[in-house]
Amino acid sequence: MRLSARLSEIYGISRRNAKKYITEGRVNLNSRAVRKDIEVAGDENPLLEIKQTEQIYDTDSFIISIKNDVIFYYKPPFMHSERHTPEDPISISDLVPNTHRLISRLDHETDGVLAAVGNKVDIKDVNKIYIAIVENRFPDRLYMDNAIDAAKRRKVKVLDIKGINPVIFTCRMFFKGFSVVSAELKHANRHQLRAYLSHSGFPIVGDKLYGGREFPRLMLHCEYTSVNNNEETSKRSDNFLDYFSNHI
């Protein structure tokens, strides 16, 4: 086993970040600093030097509602759904009790509703609605079910074959040269909405990775989530639209 794999296993970090910490000289094995991703036994316990700052937060301020065994959270923009490294700021996953698990993720700049369900809950039905803002006039309705190739880490590719997670896009309004688009789906691949909209010629405003217009943030908001007939709607949709109006 490689040292980076052992670090990933112990600390719950990616192999990529583990290798970075190794080259920075922040990993100690048998009381000695190690700077190479060497082979190690699977039972060794390397120590990672972590620079953590005290984080004070109010868990309840992120909770929208609790319905049966589903906790609905509001994730602000520029907050991770899950911690990527031990040194990251607070993430939504840090707020979820051990009795529950997050069932979806939102990109760092995306805000909106996230759900955590009880560990013993069998998920039978999930529905989501997102709001995105794109340039130019979007079609009244667009159905896409292309497969997604997520082999590349940062950017996914839309394929010309049928996938298993269809999305229905609807144009809600057109103003000042921009369209407010809703996207309804059950399950999504990573970056699916961003890649779909870019592929159709309407990248999301602020989406630098997929060719969107320069903007302070990615204009994508999860407005609605339902899990096993427990549903919640974001109370921040108007704030999302107001933010855009105030910055164009």
C-alpha atoms as a PDB file:
ATOM      1  CA  MET A   1       0.000   0.000   0.000  1.00  0.00           C
ATOM      2  CA  ARG A   2       1.237   3.493  -0.836  1.00  0.00           C
ATOM      3  CA  LEU A   3       1.643   6.020   1.958  1.00  0.00           C
ATOM      4  CA  SER A   4      -0.848   8.343   0.241  1.00  0.00           C
ATOM      5  CA  ALA A   5      -3.442   5.553   0.213  1.00  0.00           C
ATOM      6  CA  ARG A   6      -2.919   4.916   3.927  1.00  0.00           C
ATOM      7  CA  LEU A   7      -3.280   8.639   4.714  1.00  0.00           C
ATOM      8  CA  SER A   8      -6.456   8.773   2.617  1.00  0.00           C
ATOM      9  CA  GLU A   9      -7.826   5.813   4.543  1.00  0.00           C
ATOM     10  CA  ILE A  10      -7.018   7.223   7.997  1.00  0.00           C
ATOM     11  CA  TYR A  11      -7.855  10.909   7.506  1.00  0.00           C
ATOM     12  CA  GLY A  12     -10.624  10.676   4.886  1.00  0.00           C
ATOM     13  CA  ILE A  13      -8.767  12.858   2.383  1.00  0.00           C
ATOM     14  CA  SER A  14      -8.158  12.387  -1.330  1.00  0.00           C
ATOM     15  CA  ARG A  15      -5.029  10.655  -2.601  1.00  0.00           C
ATOM     16  CA  ARG A  16      -4.172  13.885  -4.386  1.00  0.00           C
ATOM     17  CA  ASN A  17      -4.185  15.905  -1.160  1.00  0.00           C
ATOM     18  CA  ALA A  18      -2.336  13.136   0.659  1.00  0.00           C
ATOM     19  CA  LYS A  19       0.486  13.299  -1.889  1.00  0.00           C
ATOM     20  CA  LYS A  20       0.602  17.086  -1.499  1.00  0.00           C
ATOM     21  CA  TYR A  21       0.992  16.800   2.281  1.00  0.00           C
ATOM     22  CA  ILE A  22       3.765  14.231   1.798  1.00  0.00           C
ATOM     23  CA  THR A  23       5.809  16.461  -0.541  1.00  0.00           C
ATOM     24  CA  GLU A  24       5.320  19.384   1.879  1.00  0.00           C
ATOM     25  CA  GLY A  25       7.015  17.331   4.603  1.00  0.00           C
ATOM     26  CA  ARG A  26       3.941  17.292   6.835  1.00  0.00           C
ATOM     27  CA  VAL A  27       3.736  13.517   7.236  1.00  0.00           C
ATOM     28  CA  ASN A  28       5.658  11.633   9.912  1.00  0.00           C
ATOM     29  CA  LEU A  29       6.197   7.894   9.919  1.00  0.00           C
ATOM     30  CA  ASN A  30       8.001   6.237  12.829  1.00  0.00           C
ATOM     31  CA  SER A  31       8.905   9.711  14.178  1.00  0.00           C
ATOM     32  CA  ARG A  32      10.573  10.744  10.911  1.00  0.00           C
ATOM     33  CA  ALA A  33       9.335  13.140   8.231  1.00  0.00           C
ATOM     34  CA  VAL A  34       8.606  11.435   4.910  1.00  0.00           C
ATOM     35  CA  ARG A  35       8.647  13.351   1.620  1.00  0.00           C
ATOM     36  CA  LYS A  36       8.074  10.483  -0.823  1.00  0.00           C
ATOM     37  CA  ASP A  37       4.985   8.384  -1.482  1.00  0.00           C
ATOM     38  CA  ILE A  38       6.649   5.158  -0.362  1.00  0.00           C
ATOM     39  CA  GLU A  39       5.220   1.676   0.084  1.00  0.00           C
ATOM     40  CA  VAL A  40       4.001   1.017   3.638  1.00  0.00           C
ATOM     41  CA  ALA A  41       2.358  -1.815   5.512  1.00  0.00           C
ATOM     42  CA  GLY A  42      -1.408  -1.550   5.746  1.00  0.00           C
ATOM     43  CA  ASP A  43      -1.338  -1.345   9.538  1.00  0.00           C
ATOM     44  CA  GLU A  44       1.090   1.575   9.952  1.00  0.00           C
ATOM     45  CA  ASN A  45      -0.172   4.870  11.411  1.00  0.00           C
ATOM     46  CA  PRO A  46       1.478   7.881   9.777  1.00  0.00           C
ATOM     47  CA  LEU A  47       0.838  11.204  11.489  1.00  0.00           C
ATOM     48  CA  LEU A  48      -0.323  14.212   9.504  1.00  0.00           C
ATOM     49  CA  GLU A  49       0.492  17.702  10.768  1.00  0.00           C
ATOM     50  CA  ILE A  50      -2.807  19.582  10.558  1.00  0.00           C
ATOM     51  CA  LYS A  51      -3.225  23.325  10.947  1.00  0.00           C
ATOM     52  CA  GLN A  52      -6.685  23.679  12.409  1.00  0.00           C
ATOM     53  CA  THR A  53      -8.372  26.798  13.700  1.00  0.00           C
ATOM     54  CA  GLU A  54     -11.179  26.772  16.206  1.00  0.00           C
ATOM     55  CA  GLN A  55     -14.518  26.991  14.440  1.00  0.00           C
ATOM     56  CA  ILE A  56     -17.598  28.213  16.254  1.00  0.00           C
ATOM     57  CA  TYR A  57     -20.934  27.692  14.556  1.00  0.00           C
ATOM     58  CA  ASP A  58     -24.597  27.258  15.314  1.00  0.00           C
ATOM     59  CA  THR A  59     -25.849  24.039  13.734  1.00  0.00           C
ATOM     60  CA  ASP A  60     -29.491  25.067  14.069  1.00  0.00           C
ATOM     61  CA  SER A  61     -28.943  28.146  11.910  1.00  0.00           C
ATOM     62  CA  PHE A  62     -28.305  25.875   8.909  1.00  0.00           C
ATOM     63  CA  ILE A  63     -31.336  23.620   9.475  1.00  0.00           C
ATOM     64  CA  ILE A  64     -34.452  24.511   7.481  1.00  0.00           C
ATOM     65  CA  SER A  65     -36.656  21.754   8.877  1.00  0.00           C
ATOM     66  CA  ILE A  66     -36.739  18.188  10.213  1.00  0.00           C
ATOM     67  CA  LYS A  67     -39.448  15.980   8.753  1.00  0.00           C
ATOM     68  CA  ASN A  68     -39.674  12.391   9.943  1.00  0.00           C
ATOM     69  CA  ASP A  69     -36.120  11.079   9.567  1.00  0.00           C
ATOM     70  CA  VAL A  70     -34.995  13.713   7.034  1.00  0.00           C
ATOM     71  CA  ILE A  71     -33.049  16.845   7.998  1.00  0.00           C
ATOM     72  CA  PHE A  72     -33.137  19.643   5.427  1.00  0.00           C
ATOM     73  CA  TYR A  73     -30.200  22.067   5.467  1.00  0.00           C
ATOM     74  CA  TYR A  74     -29.500  25.340   3.701  1.00  0.00           C
ATOM     75  CA  LYS A  75     -25.989  25.403   2.222  1.00  0.00           C
ATOM     76  CA  PRO A  76     -24.729  28.931   1.548  1.00  0.00           C
ATOM     77  CA  PRO A  77     -22.572  29.715  -1.491  1.00  0.00           C
ATOM     78  CA  PHE A  78     -18.815  29.242  -1.000  1.00  0.00           C
ATOM     79  CA  MET A  79     -19.286  26.507   1.583  1.00  0.00           C
ATOM     80  CA  HIS A  80     -18.385  22.881   0.921  1.00  0.00           C
ATOM     81  CA  SER A  81     -20.981  20.147   1.221  1.00  0.00           C
ATOM     82  CA  GLU A  82     -18.228  17.870   2.508  1.00  0.00           C
ATOM     83  CA  ARG A  83     -14.817  18.613   3.972  1.00  0.00           C
ATOM     84  CA  HIS A  84     -12.084  17.979   1.386  1.00  0.00           C
ATOM     85  CA  THR A  85      -9.167  18.149   3.811  1.00  0.00           C
ATOM     86  CA  PRO A  86      -8.895  18.239   7.628  1.00  0.00           C
ATOM     87  CA  GLU A  87      -7.956  21.924   7.365  1.00  0.00           C
ATOM     88  CA  ASP A  88     -11.010  23.039   5.395  1.00  0.00           C
ATOM     89  CA  PRO A  89     -13.483  25.470   6.968  1.00  0.00           C
ATOM     90  CA  ILE A  90     -16.778  24.142   8.297  1.00  0.00           C
ATOM     91  CA  SER A  91     -18.821  22.102   5.831  1.00  0.00           C
ATOM     92  CA  ILE A  92     -22.426  20.903   5.872  1.00  0.00           C
ATOM     93  CA  SER A  93     -21.279  17.332   6.538  1.00  0.00           C
ATOM     94  CA  ASP A  94     -19.722  18.558   9.813  1.00  0.00           C
ATOM     95  CA  LEU A  95     -23.211  19.584  10.970  1.00  0.00           C
ATOM     96  CA  VAL A  96     -24.895  16.257  10.214  1.00  0.00           C
ATOM     97  CA  PRO A  97     -25.322  14.024  13.287  1.00  0.00           C
ATOM     98  CA  ASN A  98     -23.814  10.535  13.294  1.00  0.00           C
ATOM     99  CA  THR A  99     -27.331   9.113  13.009  1.00  0.00           C
ATOM    100  CA  HIS A 100     -27.763  10.613   9.518  1.00  0.00           C
ATOM    101  CA  ARG A 101     -25.973  10.876   6.160  1.00  0.00           C
ATOM    102  CA  LEU A 102     -26.023  13.416   3.339  1.00  0.00           C
ATOM    103  CA  ILE A 103     -27.678  12.017   0.209  1.00  0.00           C
ATOM    104  CA  SER A 104     -26.441  14.644  -2.254  1.00  0.00           C
ATOM    105  CA  ARG A 105     -23.831  17.355  -2.712  1.00  0.00           C
ATOM    106  CA  LEU A 106     -23.810  20.913  -4.025  1.00  0.00           C
ATOM    107  CA  ASP A 107     -20.826  22.553  -5.685  1.00  0.00           C
ATOM    108  CA  HIS A 108     -18.822  25.028  -3.611  1.00  0.00           C
ATOM    109  CA  GLU A 109     -20.454  28.141  -5.134  1.00  0.00           C
ATOM    110  CA  THR A 110     -23.952  26.640  -5.393  1.00  0.00           C
ATOM    111  CA  ASP A 111     -26.412  27.322  -2.596  1.00  0.00           C
ATOM    112  CA  GLY A 112     -29.739  25.810  -1.631  1.00  0.00           C
ATOM    113  CA  VAL A 113     -31.408  22.818  -0.018  1.00  0.00           C
ATOM    114  CA  LEU A 114     -29.474  19.708   1.007  1.00  0.00           C
ATOM    115  CA  ALA A 115     -30.981  16.668   2.706  1.00  0.00           C
ATOM    116  CA  ALA A 116     -29.598  14.199   5.222  1.00  0.00           C
ATOM    117  CA  VAL A 117     -31.495  11.005   5.998  1.00  0.00           C
ATOM    118  CA  GLY A 118     -31.319   8.531   8.847  1.00  0.00           C
ATOM    119  CA  ASN A 119     -28.677   5.847   8.390  1.00  0.00           C
ATOM    120  CA  LYS A 120     -31.324   3.122   8.366  1.00  0.00           C
ATOM    121  CA  VAL A 121     -33.668   4.884   5.953  1.00  0.00           C
ATOM    122  CA  ASP A 122     -34.259   3.227   2.597  1.00  0.00           C
ATOM    123  CA  ILE A 123     -34.372   5.979  -0.041  1.00  0.00           C
ATOM    124  CA  LYS A 124     -37.223   5.204  -2.424  1.00  0.00           C
ATOM    125  CA  ASP A 125     -37.878   8.501  -4.147  1.00  0.00           C
ATOM    126  CA  VAL A 126     -35.925  11.746  -4.577  1.00  0.00           C
ATOM    127  CA  ASN A 127     -36.893  14.838  -6.563  1.00  0.00           C
ATOM    128  CA  LYS A 128     -35.017  18.112  -6.994  1.00  0.00           C
ATOM    129  CA  ILE A 129     -35.562  21.443  -8.674  1.00  0.00           C
ATOM    130  CA  TYR A 130     -32.710  23.864  -9.362  1.00  0.00           C
ATOM    131  CA  ILE A 131     -32.692  27.436 -10.631  1.00  0.00           C
ATOM    132  CA  ALA A 132     -29.956  28.556 -13.012  1.00  0.00           C
ATOM    133  CA  ILE A 133     -29.358  31.870 -14.750  1.00  0.00           C
ATOM    134  CA  VAL A 134     -28.001  31.781 -18.317  1.00  0.00           C
ATOM    135  CA  GLU A 135     -27.374  34.330 -21.054  1.00  0.00           C
ATOM    136  CA  ASN A 136     -29.798  34.875 -23.949  1.00  0.00           C
ATOM    137  CA  ARG A 137     -33.296  33.463 -24.413  1.00  0.00           C
ATOM    138  CA  PHE A 138     -33.593  29.833 -23.376  1.00  0.00           C
ATOM    139  CA  PRO A 139     -36.140  27.513 -25.076  1.00  0.00           C
ATOM    140  CA  ASP A 140     -39.506  27.199 -23.336  1.00  0.00           C
ATOM    141  CA  ARG A 141     -38.723  23.558 -22.587  1.00  0.00           C
ATOM    142  CA  LEU A 142     -35.709  21.306 -23.112  1.00  0.00           C
ATOM    143  CA  TYR A 143     -35.399  17.610 -22.250  1.00  0.00           C
ATOM    144  CA  MET A 144     -31.922  16.066 -21.953  1.00  0.00           C
ATOM    145  CA  ASP A 145     -30.935  12.530 -21.025  1.00  0.00           C
ATOM    146  CA  ASN A 146     -27.394  12.284 -22.398  1.00  0.00           C
ATOM    147  CA  ALA A 147     -24.898  10.148 -20.555  1.00  0.00           C
ATOM    148  CA  ILE A 148     -22.080  11.903 -18.699  1.00  0.00           C
ATOM    149  CA  ASP A 149     -18.410  10.960 -18.807  1.00  0.00           C
ATOM    150  CA  ALA A 150     -16.940  11.975 -15.441  1.00  0.00           C
ATOM    151  CA  ALA A 151     -13.551  10.322 -15.961  1.00  0.00           C
ATOM    152  CA  LYS A 152     -11.791  13.678 -15.805  1.00  0.00           C
ATOM    153  CA  ARG A 153     -11.605  15.076 -12.290  1.00  0.00           C
ATOM    154  CA  ARG A 154     -12.468  18.731 -12.862  1.00  0.00           C
ATOM    155  CA  LYS A 155     -14.679  18.757 -15.929  1.00  0.00           C
ATOM    156  CA  VAL A 156     -17.221  16.220 -17.168  1.00  0.00           C
ATOM    157  CA  LYS A 157     -18.186  15.553 -20.780  1.00  0.00           C
ATOM    158  CA  VAL A 158     -21.668  15.203 -22.279  1.00  0.00           C
ATOM    159  CA  LEU A 159     -21.881  12.139 -24.529  1.00  0.00           C
ATOM    160  CA  ASP A 160     -24.112  11.523 -27.531  1.00  0.00           C
ATOM    161  CA  ILE A 161     -25.644   8.416 -25.996  1.00  0.00           C
ATOM    162  CA  LYS A 162     -28.605   7.964 -23.673  1.00  0.00           C
ATOM    163  CA  GLY A 163     -27.992   8.180 -19.950  1.00  0.00           C
ATOM    164  CA  ILE A 164     -30.072   7.229 -16.918  1.00  0.00           C
ATOM    165  CA  ASN A 165     -30.628  10.600 -15.206  1.00  0.00           C
ATOM    166  CA  PRO A 166     -32.855  12.796 -17.406  1.00  0.00           C
ATOM    167  CA  VAL A 167     -33.409  16.505 -16.747  1.00  0.00           C
ATOM    168  CA  ILE A 168     -36.337  18.708 -17.761  1.00  0.00           C
ATOM    169  CA  PHE A 169     -35.341  22.356 -18.247  1.00  0.00           C
ATOM    170  CA  THR A 170     -38.021  25.072 -18.317  1.00  0.00           C
ATOM    171  CA  CYS A 171     -37.578  28.783 -18.962  1.00  0.00           C
ATOM    172  CA  ARG A 172     -39.294  30.725 -16.178  1.00  0.00           C
ATOM    173  CA  MET A 173     -38.564  34.249 -17.316  1.00  0.00           C
ATOM    174  CA  PHE A 174     -36.400  36.330 -19.628  1.00  0.00           C
ATOM    175  CA  PHE A 175     -35.101  39.721 -18.541  1.00  0.00           C
ATOM    176  CA  LYS A 176     -32.255  42.068 -19.474  1.00  0.00           C
ATOM    177  CA  GLY A 177     -30.836  39.471 -21.875  1.00  0.00           C
ATOM    178  CA  PHE A 178     -30.774  36.626 -19.338  1.00  0.00           C
ATOM    179  CA  SER A 179     -33.026  33.596 -18.763  1.00  0.00           C
ATOM    180  CA  VAL A 180     -34.033  32.139 -15.423  1.00  0.00           C
ATOM    181  CA  VAL A 181     -34.158  28.391 -16.018  1.00  0.00           C
ATOM    182  CA  SER A 182     -35.542  25.671 -13.757  1.00  0.00           C
ATOM    183  CA  ALA A 183     -34.143  22.140 -13.905  1.00  0.00           C
ATOM    184  CA  GLU A 184     -36.155  19.213 -12.541  1.00  0.00           C
ATOM    185  CA  LEU A 185     -34.552  15.834 -11.933  1.00  0.00           C
ATOM    186  CA  LYS A 186     -34.421  12.876  -9.575  1.00  0.00           C
ATOM    187  CA  HIS A 187     -30.728  12.023  -9.484  1.00  0.00           C
ATOM    188  CA  ALA A 188     -27.738  13.757 -11.025  1.00  0.00           C
ATOM    189  CA  ASN A 189     -24.206  12.978 -12.043  1.00  0.00           C
ATOM    190  CA  ARG A 190     -21.468  15.323 -10.876  1.00  0.00           C
ATOM    191  CA  HIS A 191     -21.672  18.670 -12.723  1.00  0.00           C
ATOM    192  CA  GLN A 192     -24.533  17.324 -14.865  1.00  0.00           C
ATOM    193  CA  LEU A 193     -26.637  20.493 -14.939  1.00  0.00           C
ATOM    194  CA  ARG A 194     -23.610  22.683 -15.609  1.00  0.00           C
ATOM    195  CA  ALA A 195     -22.390  20.427 -18.414  1.00  0.00           C
ATOM    196  CA  TYR A 196     -25.865  20.017 -19.949  1.00  0.00           C
ATOM    197  CA  LEU A 197     -26.500  23.752 -20.097  1.00  0.00           C
ATOM    198  CA  SER A 198     -23.057  24.434 -21.535  1.00  0.00           C
ATOM    199  CA  HIS A 199     -23.530  21.644 -24.095  1.00  0.00           C
ATOM    200  CA  SER A 200     -26.855  23.166 -25.191  1.00  0.00           C
ATOM    201  CA  GLY A 201     -25.196  26.561 -25.718  1.00  0.00           C
ATOM    202  CA  PHE A 202     -26.360  28.199 -22.472  1.00  0.00           C
ATOM    203  CA  PRO A 203     -23.591  27.951 -19.856  1.00  0.00           C
ATOM    204  CA  ILE A 204     -24.548  29.168 -16.396  1.00  0.00           C
ATOM    205  CA  VAL A 205     -23.527  32.711 -15.536  1.00  0.00           C
ATOM    206  CA  GLY A 206     -20.387  32.591 -13.396  1.00  0.00           C
ATOM    207  CA  ASP A 207     -19.461  29.059 -14.485  1.00  0.00           C
ATOM    208  CA  LYS A 208     -15.837  29.593 -15.507  1.00  0.00           C
ATOM    209  CA  LEU A 209     -15.203  25.873 -15.936  1.00  0.00           C
ATOM    210  CA  TYR A 210     -17.948  25.433 -18.552  1.00  0.00           C
ATOM    211  CA  GLY A 211     -17.672  28.707 -20.430  1.00  0.00           C
ATOM    212  CA  GLY A 212     -20.063  30.899 -18.489  1.00  0.00           C
ATOM    213  CA  ARG A 213     -19.950  34.678 -18.335  1.00  0.00           C
ATOM    214  CA  GLU A 214     -17.641  36.157 -15.680  1.00  0.00           C
ATOM    215  CA  PHE A 215     -19.544  36.785 -12.426  1.00  0.00           C
ATOM    216  CA  PRO A 216     -18.805  36.849  -8.657  1.00  0.00           C
ATOM    217  CA  ARG A 217     -20.362  33.385  -8.172  1.00  0.00           C
ATOM    218  CA  LEU A 218     -21.920  30.456  -9.996  1.00  0.00           C
ATOM    219  CA  MET A 219     -25.597  31.316 -10.480  1.00  0.00           C
ATOM    220  CA  LEU A 220     -27.039  27.927  -9.566  1.00  0.00           C
ATOM    221  CA  HIS A 221     -29.451  27.391  -6.671  1.00  0.00           C
ATOM    222  CA  CYS A 222     -31.160  24.221  -5.382  1.00  0.00           C
ATOM    223  CA  GLU A 223     -34.702  25.447  -4.807  1.00  0.00           C
ATOM    224  CA  TYR A 224     -36.536  22.231  -3.850  1.00  0.00           C
ATOM    225  CA  THR A 225     -35.759  18.750  -2.577  1.00  0.00           C
ATOM    226  CA  SER A 226     -38.062  15.893  -1.649  1.00  0.00           C
ATOM    227  CA  VAL A 227     -37.083  12.558  -0.134  1.00  0.00           C
ATOM    228  CA  ASN A 228     -39.643   9.776   0.345  1.00  0.00           C
ATOM    229  CA  ASN A 229     -42.490  12.352   0.214  1.00  0.00           C
ATOM    230  CA  ASN A 230     -40.780  14.618   2.760  1.00  0.00           C
ATOM    231  CA  GLU A 231     -40.241  17.914   0.953  1.00  0.00           C
ATOM    232  CA  GLU A 232     -38.691  21.311   1.513  1.00  0.00           C
ATOM    233  CA  THR A 233     -38.486  24.498  -0.542  1.00  0.00           C
ATOM    234  CA  SER A 234     -35.701  27.038  -0.199  1.00  0.00           C
ATOM    235  CA  LYS A 235     -36.542  30.286   1.550  1.00  0.00           C
ATOM    236  CA  ARG A 236     -33.648  31.969  -0.300  1.00  0.00           C
ATOM    237  CA  SER A 237     -34.782  31.790  -3.942  1.00  0.00           C
ATOM    238  CA  ASP A 238     -35.750  35.469  -3.966  1.00  0.00           C
ATOM    239  CA  ASN A 239     -32.384  36.355  -2.404  1.00  0.00           C
ATOM    240  CA  PHE A 240     -30.664  34.407  -5.183  1.00  0.00           C
ATOM    241  CA  LEU A 241     -32.497  36.351  -7.892  1.00  0.00           C
ATOM    242  CA  ASP A 242     -32.038  39.668  -6.079  1.00  0.00           C
ATOM    243  CA  TYR A 243     -28.313  39.031  -5.806  1.00  0.00           C
ATOM    244  CA  PHE A 244     -28.096  38.590  -9.558  1.00  0.00           C
ATOM    245  CA  SER A 245     -30.203  41.679 -10.282  1.00  0.00           C
ATOM    246  CA  ASN A 246     -28.002  43.776  -8.013  1.00  0.00           C
ATOM    247  CA  HIS A 247     -24.759  42.642  -9.656  1.00  0.00           C
ATOM    248  CA  ILE A 248     -25.467  42.810 -13.395  1.00  0.00           C
END
